[in-house]
Amino acid sequence: MNVKVKICGMQTYEDAKHAIDAGADFVGFIFYKNSTRAVDVSTAKDIIKKIKGQVSIVGVFKNSSLDEVNSLCEELNFDLVQLHGQESQEFCNNVNLPVVKTFGLLANFSINNTVRQMKQYDVKYYLIDRENPGEGELLPLDRSTEIAKNFPIFFAGGLTPENVGEAVSIVRPFAVDVITGVKTDGKFDFEKMKQFVINAKGVKV
């Protein structure tokens, strides 16, 4: 089996098309207004109409209201919802689509405490990232492996075409998730996207 690849932070149709052409399995649209990677609803709607059925579409939220999440699920036709905030299990239960719940971890995170915390959630997938997304090194691969043994995880944070193969071979996650690692000068780079997917999927998990 090959790892799945999610490329997040779509803001234009060209970026989404490049991600699909590169072989991504998931593309993510961020609706957290404080993020520089966020997209407005009308732009996302136009892009999703053009790509629906070619790739799994993920709506990404952080501490939004349940009404907002579910109304955008309906309007924009996502396949999954990713939650990055302090959403409870009850909140996850009431989202109208399968949920990816994110856990931000320190580099020296406790494996036992993290597994215990994640087991409080019963969701489709789990995502582990650094505590401050977009900053710092990869999470320790050895510790992350222990998490991946317990949950179907998206592994995120600090991945690049150069290091994703090693990360996949050690952690053996369900999926890897990238934004910055496939950009050049702040813009998505199609060659980096392609190389990232090739290097990620070149490892059997």
C-alpha atoms as a PDB file:
ATOM      1  CA  MET A   1       0.000   0.000   0.000  1.00  0.00           C
ATOM      2  CA  ASN A   2       1.184   3.525  -0.714  1.00  0.00           C
ATOM      3  CA  VAL A   3       0.821   6.494   1.564  1.00  0.00           C
ATOM      4  CA  LYS A   4      -1.824   9.062   0.605  1.00  0.00           C
ATOM      5  CA  VAL A   5      -0.803  12.657  -0.061  1.00  0.00           C
ATOM      6  CA  LYS A   6      -2.699  15.803   0.928  1.00  0.00           C
ATOM      7  CA  ILE A   7      -1.666  19.178  -0.426  1.00  0.00           C
ATOM      8  CA  CYS A   8      -3.337  21.920   1.576  1.00  0.00           C
ATOM      9  CA  GLY A   9      -3.899  25.648   1.287  1.00  0.00           C
ATOM     10  CA  MET A  10      -5.500  25.813  -2.164  1.00  0.00           C
ATOM     11  CA  GLN A  11      -6.320  29.381  -3.232  1.00  0.00           C
ATOM     12  CA  THR A  12      -6.521  29.141  -7.033  1.00  0.00           C
ATOM     13  CA  TYR A  13      -7.806  26.667  -9.605  1.00  0.00           C
ATOM     14  CA  GLU A  14      -4.300  26.412 -11.073  1.00  0.00           C
ATOM     15  CA  ASP A  15      -2.876  25.304  -7.721  1.00  0.00           C
ATOM     16  CA  ALA A  16      -5.595  22.686  -7.281  1.00  0.00           C
ATOM     17  CA  LYS A  17      -5.137  21.403 -10.831  1.00  0.00           C
ATOM     18  CA  HIS A  18      -1.383  21.162 -10.335  1.00  0.00           C
ATOM     19  CA  ALA A  19      -1.911  19.227  -7.090  1.00  0.00           C
ATOM     20  CA  ILE A  20      -4.237  16.783  -8.867  1.00  0.00           C
ATOM     21  CA  ASP A  21      -1.896  16.437 -11.855  1.00  0.00           C
ATOM     22  CA  ALA A  22       0.980  15.780  -9.454  1.00  0.00           C
ATOM     23  CA  GLY A  23      -0.969  12.847  -7.988  1.00  0.00           C
ATOM     24  CA  ALA A  24      -2.342  14.223  -4.716  1.00  0.00           C
ATOM     25  CA  ASP A  25      -5.168  12.205  -3.131  1.00  0.00           C
ATOM     26  CA  PHE A  26      -6.553  15.099  -1.077  1.00  0.00           C
ATOM     27  CA  VAL A  27      -6.564  18.873  -1.509  1.00  0.00           C
ATOM     28  CA  GLY A  28      -7.322  21.169   1.413  1.00  0.00           C
ATOM     29  CA  PHE A  29      -9.111  24.529   1.572  1.00  0.00           C
ATOM     30  CA  ILE A  30      -8.524  26.588   4.725  1.00  0.00           C
ATOM     31  CA  PHE A  31     -11.392  28.614   6.196  1.00  0.00           C
ATOM     32  CA  TYR A  32      -9.577  29.988   9.253  1.00  0.00           C
ATOM     33  CA  LYS A  33      -9.708  33.712   8.590  1.00  0.00           C
ATOM     34  CA  ASN A  34      -6.487  34.512  10.462  1.00  0.00           C
ATOM     35  CA  SER A  35      -4.442  32.264   8.181  1.00  0.00           C
ATOM     36  CA  THR A  36      -2.542  33.715   5.225  1.00  0.00           C
ATOM     37  CA  ARG A  37      -3.415  30.447   3.475  1.00  0.00           C
ATOM     38  CA  ALA A  38      -7.180  30.937   3.845  1.00  0.00           C
ATOM     39  CA  VAL A  39      -9.518  31.084   0.862  1.00  0.00           C
ATOM     40  CA  ASP A  40     -12.827  32.910   0.562  1.00  0.00           C
ATOM     41  CA  VAL A  41     -15.969  30.866   0.133  1.00  0.00           C
ATOM     42  CA  SER A  42     -16.875  32.030  -3.385  1.00  0.00           C
ATOM     43  CA  THR A  43     -13.369  31.297  -4.723  1.00  0.00           C
ATOM     44  CA  ALA A  44     -13.370  27.863  -3.080  1.00  0.00           C
ATOM     45  CA  LYS A  45     -16.808  27.136  -4.534  1.00  0.00           C
ATOM     46  CA  ASP A  46     -15.633  27.932  -8.073  1.00  0.00           C
ATOM     47  CA  ILE A  47     -12.525  25.763  -7.703  1.00  0.00           C
ATOM     48  CA  ILE A  48     -14.352  22.818  -6.133  1.00  0.00           C
ATOM     49  CA  LYS A  49     -16.980  22.768  -8.886  1.00  0.00           C
ATOM     50  CA  LYS A  50     -14.182  22.234 -11.413  1.00  0.00           C
ATOM     51  CA  ILE A  51     -12.307  19.518  -9.508  1.00  0.00           C
ATOM     52  CA  LYS A  52     -15.059  17.582  -7.724  1.00  0.00           C
ATOM     53  CA  GLY A  53     -14.716  13.854  -8.347  1.00  0.00           C
ATOM     54  CA  GLN A  54     -11.041  14.068  -9.320  1.00  0.00           C
ATOM     55  CA  VAL A  55      -9.672  14.240  -5.767  1.00  0.00           C
ATOM     56  CA  SER A  56     -10.918  14.174  -2.158  1.00  0.00           C
ATOM     57  CA  ILE A  57     -11.723  17.678  -0.938  1.00  0.00           C
ATOM     58  CA  VAL A  58     -11.009  18.692   2.657  1.00  0.00           C
ATOM     59  CA  GLY A  59     -12.447  21.772   4.372  1.00  0.00           C
ATOM     60  CA  VAL A  60     -10.109  22.976   7.122  1.00  0.00           C
ATOM     61  CA  PHE A  61     -11.478  24.862  10.140  1.00  0.00           C
ATOM     62  CA  LYS A  62     -10.211  26.126  13.492  1.00  0.00           C
ATOM     63  CA  ASN A  63     -12.690  26.882  16.281  1.00  0.00           C
ATOM     64  CA  SER A  64     -15.500  27.744  13.858  1.00  0.00           C
ATOM     65  CA  SER A  65     -19.115  27.344  14.933  1.00  0.00           C
ATOM     66  CA  LEU A  66     -20.808  24.051  14.138  1.00  0.00           C
ATOM     67  CA  ASP A  67     -23.347  25.942  12.017  1.00  0.00           C
ATOM     68  CA  GLU A  68     -20.592  27.457   9.887  1.00  0.00           C
ATOM     69  CA  VAL A  69     -18.857  24.112   9.402  1.00  0.00           C
ATOM     70  CA  ASN A  70     -22.015  22.256   8.436  1.00  0.00           C
ATOM     71  CA  SER A  71     -23.365  25.002   6.181  1.00  0.00           C
ATOM     72  CA  LEU A  72     -20.064  25.094   4.256  1.00  0.00           C
ATOM     73  CA  CYS A  73     -20.057  21.283   4.078  1.00  0.00           C
ATOM     74  CA  GLU A  74     -23.368  21.503   2.287  1.00  0.00           C
ATOM     75  CA  GLU A  75     -22.569  24.528   0.125  1.00  0.00           C
ATOM     76  CA  LEU A  76     -19.073  23.447  -0.942  1.00  0.00           C
ATOM     77  CA  ASN A  77     -19.501  19.677  -1.147  1.00  0.00           C
ATOM     78  CA  PHE A  78     -16.410  18.617   0.837  1.00  0.00           C
ATOM     79  CA  ASP A  79     -15.493  14.969   1.331  1.00  0.00           C
ATOM     80  CA  LEU A  80     -13.865  15.463   4.743  1.00  0.00           C
ATOM     81  CA  VAL A  81     -13.672  18.142   7.426  1.00  0.00           C
ATOM     82  CA  GLN A  82     -10.386  18.848   9.224  1.00  0.00           C
ATOM     83  CA  LEU A  83     -10.614  20.485  12.652  1.00  0.00           C
ATOM     84  CA  HIS A  84      -7.573  22.345  14.001  1.00  0.00           C
ATOM     85  CA  GLY A  85      -8.934  23.943  17.153  1.00  0.00           C
ATOM     86  CA  GLN A  86     -10.235  22.903  20.552  1.00  0.00           C
ATOM     87  CA  GLU A  87     -13.257  21.105  19.119  1.00  0.00           C
ATOM     88  CA  SER A  88     -14.727  18.463  21.426  1.00  0.00           C
ATOM     89  CA  GLN A  89     -15.754  14.916  20.571  1.00  0.00           C
ATOM     90  CA  GLU A  90     -19.371  16.075  20.763  1.00  0.00           C
ATOM     91  CA  PHE A  91     -18.605  18.777  18.179  1.00  0.00           C
ATOM     92  CA  CYS A  92     -16.975  16.168  15.922  1.00  0.00           C
ATOM     93  CA  ASN A  93     -20.010  13.902  16.297  1.00  0.00           C
ATOM     94  CA  ASN A  94     -22.256  16.679  15.039  1.00  0.00           C
ATOM     95  CA  VAL A  95     -20.254  17.512  11.926  1.00  0.00           C
ATOM     96  CA  ASN A  96     -22.127  16.175   8.909  1.00  0.00           C
ATOM     97  CA  LEU A  97     -19.045  14.647   7.248  1.00  0.00           C
ATOM     98  CA  PRO A  98     -16.164  12.395   8.370  1.00  0.00           C
ATOM     99  CA  VAL A  99     -13.665  14.304  10.511  1.00  0.00           C
ATOM    100  CA  VAL A 100      -9.879  14.596  10.567  1.00  0.00           C
ATOM    101  CA  LYS A 101      -8.975  15.856  14.073  1.00  0.00           C
ATOM    102  CA  THR A 102      -5.664  17.669  14.419  1.00  0.00           C
ATOM    103  CA  PHE A 103      -3.333  17.489  17.411  1.00  0.00           C
ATOM    104  CA  GLY A 104      -0.531  20.041  17.730  1.00  0.00           C
ATOM    105  CA  LEU A 105       2.442  18.481  19.514  1.00  0.00           C
ATOM    106  CA  LEU A 106       5.681  19.697  21.076  1.00  0.00           C
ATOM    107  CA  ALA A 107       8.890  18.085  19.808  1.00  0.00           C
ATOM    108  CA  ASN A 108       9.347  16.195  23.087  1.00  0.00           C
ATOM    109  CA  PHE A 109       5.713  15.075  23.330  1.00  0.00           C
ATOM    110  CA  SER A 110       4.868  12.179  25.622  1.00  0.00           C
ATOM    111  CA  ILE A 111       3.758   9.178  23.567  1.00  0.00           C
ATOM    112  CA  ASN A 112       1.513   7.788  26.320  1.00  0.00           C
ATOM    113  CA  ASN A 113      -0.180  11.103  27.092  1.00  0.00           C
ATOM    114  CA  THR A 114      -0.710  11.843  23.402  1.00  0.00           C
ATOM    115  CA  VAL A 115      -2.226   8.416  22.712  1.00  0.00           C
ATOM    116  CA  ARG A 116      -4.488   8.862  25.740  1.00  0.00           C
ATOM    117  CA  GLN A 117      -5.602  12.295  24.543  1.00  0.00           C
ATOM    118  CA  MET A 118      -6.226  11.100  20.995  1.00  0.00           C
ATOM    119  CA  LYS A 119      -8.193   8.075  22.202  1.00  0.00           C
ATOM    120  CA  GLN A 120     -10.752  10.482  23.650  1.00  0.00           C
ATOM    121  CA  TYR A 121     -11.763  11.122  20.041  1.00  0.00           C
ATOM    122  CA  ASP A 122     -13.542   8.698  17.752  1.00  0.00           C
ATOM    123  CA  VAL A 123     -13.085  10.194  14.293  1.00  0.00           C
ATOM    124  CA  LYS A 124     -12.251   8.952  10.801  1.00  0.00           C
ATOM    125  CA  TYR A 125      -8.642  10.188  10.790  1.00  0.00           C
ATOM    126  CA  TYR A 126      -6.177  11.970  13.058  1.00  0.00           C
ATOM    127  CA  LEU A 127      -3.534  14.530  12.096  1.00  0.00           C
ATOM    128  CA  ILE A 128      -0.371  15.276  14.040  1.00  0.00           C
ATOM    129  CA  ASP A 129       1.577  18.476  13.460  1.00  0.00           C
ATOM    130  CA  ARG A 130       3.916  20.735  15.371  1.00  0.00           C
ATOM    131  CA  GLU A 131       2.332  22.920  18.020  1.00  0.00           C
ATOM    132  CA  ASN A 132       2.914  25.984  15.814  1.00  0.00           C
ATOM    133  CA  PRO A 133       2.089  24.878  12.240  1.00  0.00           C
ATOM    134  CA  GLY A 134       4.475  26.284   9.668  1.00  0.00           C
ATOM    135  CA  GLU A 135       7.333  26.653  12.167  1.00  0.00           C
ATOM    136  CA  GLY A 136      10.210  24.468  13.255  1.00  0.00           C
ATOM    137  CA  GLU A 137      11.500  21.003  12.487  1.00  0.00           C
ATOM    138  CA  LEU A 138       9.661  17.768  11.773  1.00  0.00           C
ATOM    139  CA  LEU A 139       8.122  16.029  14.750  1.00  0.00           C
ATOM    140  CA  PRO A 140      10.497  13.283  15.950  1.00  0.00           C
ATOM    141  CA  LEU A 141       9.987  10.349  13.605  1.00  0.00           C
ATOM    142  CA  ASP A 142      10.521   7.654  16.249  1.00  0.00           C
ATOM    143  CA  ARG A 143       7.855   9.086  18.559  1.00  0.00           C
ATOM    144  CA  SER A 144       5.486   9.741  15.657  1.00  0.00           C
ATOM    145  CA  THR A 145       5.806   6.077  14.626  1.00  0.00           C
ATOM    146  CA  GLU A 146       4.262   5.062  17.954  1.00  0.00           C
ATOM    147  CA  ILE A 147       1.284   7.323  17.272  1.00  0.00           C
ATOM    148  CA  ALA A 148       0.861   5.903  13.750  1.00  0.00           C
ATOM    149  CA  LYS A 149       0.712   2.385  15.212  1.00  0.00           C
ATOM    150  CA  ASN A 150      -2.398   3.388  17.161  1.00  0.00           C
ATOM    151  CA  PHE A 151      -4.284   5.638  14.722  1.00  0.00           C
ATOM    152  CA  PRO A 152      -4.766   6.268  10.979  1.00  0.00           C
ATOM    153  CA  ILE A 153      -2.791   9.510  10.883  1.00  0.00           C
ATOM    154  CA  PHE A 154      -2.008  12.320   8.522  1.00  0.00           C
ATOM    155  CA  PHE A 155       1.606  13.277   9.307  1.00  0.00           C
ATOM    156  CA  ALA A 156       2.200  17.006   8.830  1.00  0.00           C
ATOM    157  CA  GLY A 157       4.733  19.692   9.530  1.00  0.00           C
ATOM    158  CA  GLY A 158       8.084  20.422   7.938  1.00  0.00           C
ATOM    159  CA  LEU A 159       7.794  17.879   5.130  1.00  0.00           C
ATOM    160  CA  THR A 160       9.616  18.512   1.848  1.00  0.00           C
ATOM    161  CA  PRO A 161      10.326  16.453  -1.286  1.00  0.00           C
ATOM    162  CA  GLU A 162      13.762  15.749   0.241  1.00  0.00           C
ATOM    163  CA  ASN A 163      12.620  14.328   3.585  1.00  0.00           C
ATOM    164  CA  VAL A 164       9.173  12.853   2.900  1.00  0.00           C
ATOM    165  CA  GLY A 165      10.503   9.448   1.769  1.00  0.00           C
ATOM    166  CA  GLU A 166      12.381   8.912   5.011  1.00  0.00           C
ATOM    167  CA  ALA A 167       9.440  10.169   7.069  1.00  0.00           C
ATOM    168  CA  VAL A 168       7.033   7.773   5.341  1.00  0.00           C
ATOM    169  CA  SER A 169       9.383   4.795   5.635  1.00  0.00           C
ATOM    170  CA  ILE A 170       9.844   5.338   9.390  1.00  0.00           C
ATOM    171  CA  VAL A 171       6.482   6.680  10.579  1.00  0.00           C
ATOM    172  CA  ARG A 172       4.319   4.667   8.155  1.00  0.00           C
ATOM    173  CA  PRO A 173       1.358   7.046   8.350  1.00  0.00           C
ATOM    174  CA  PHE A 174      -1.919   6.731   6.474  1.00  0.00           C
ATOM    175  CA  ALA A 175      -1.172  10.052   4.754  1.00  0.00           C
ATOM    176  CA  VAL A 176       1.255  12.960   4.629  1.00  0.00           C
ATOM    177  CA  ASP A 177       0.168  16.596   4.505  1.00  0.00           C
ATOM    178  CA  VAL A 178       2.132  19.506   3.018  1.00  0.00           C
ATOM    179  CA  ILE A 179       1.865  23.193   2.163  1.00  0.00           C
ATOM    180  CA  THR A 180       5.114  25.153   2.548  1.00  0.00           C
ATOM    181  CA  GLY A 181       7.359  22.258   1.526  1.00  0.00           C
ATOM    182  CA  VAL A 182       6.037  22.359  -2.043  1.00  0.00           C
ATOM    183  CA  LYS A 183       6.277  26.128  -2.484  1.00  0.00           C
ATOM    184  CA  THR A 184       9.004  28.367  -3.898  1.00  0.00           C
ATOM    185  CA  ASP A 185       9.024  32.049  -2.910  1.00  0.00           C
ATOM    186  CA  GLY A 186       5.596  31.654  -1.326  1.00  0.00           C
ATOM    187  CA  LYS A 187       3.932  30.128  -4.393  1.00  0.00           C
ATOM    188  CA  PHE A 188       3.080  26.501  -5.116  1.00  0.00           C
ATOM    189  CA  ASP A 189       5.739  24.883  -7.290  1.00  0.00           C
ATOM    190  CA  PHE A 190       4.428  22.168  -9.629  1.00  0.00           C
ATOM    191  CA  GLU A 191       7.822  20.436  -9.886  1.00  0.00           C
ATOM    192  CA  LYS A 192       8.097  20.273  -6.097  1.00  0.00           C
ATOM    193  CA  MET A 193       4.535  18.944  -5.875  1.00  0.00           C
ATOM    194  CA  LYS A 194       5.344  16.187  -8.373  1.00  0.00           C
ATOM    195  CA  GLN A 195       8.596  15.260  -6.650  1.00  0.00           C
ATOM    196  CA  PHE A 196       6.906  15.239  -3.254  1.00  0.00           C
ATOM    197  CA  VAL A 197       4.220  12.811  -4.436  1.00  0.00           C
ATOM    198  CA  ILE A 198       6.755  10.580  -6.229  1.00  0.00           C
ATOM    199  CA  ASN A 199       9.017  10.417  -3.178  1.00  0.00           C
ATOM    200  CA  ALA A 200       6.130   9.836  -0.749  1.00  0.00           C
ATOM    201  CA  LYS A 201       4.470   7.134  -2.824  1.00  0.00           C
ATOM    202  CA  GLY A 202       7.775   5.481  -3.670  1.00  0.00           C
ATOM    203  CA  VAL A 203       7.770   3.975  -0.179  1.00  0.00           C
ATOM    204  CA  LYS A 204       5.568   0.938   0.549  1.00  0.00           C
ATOM    205  CA  VAL A 205       3.801   1.251   3.923  1.00  0.00           C
END
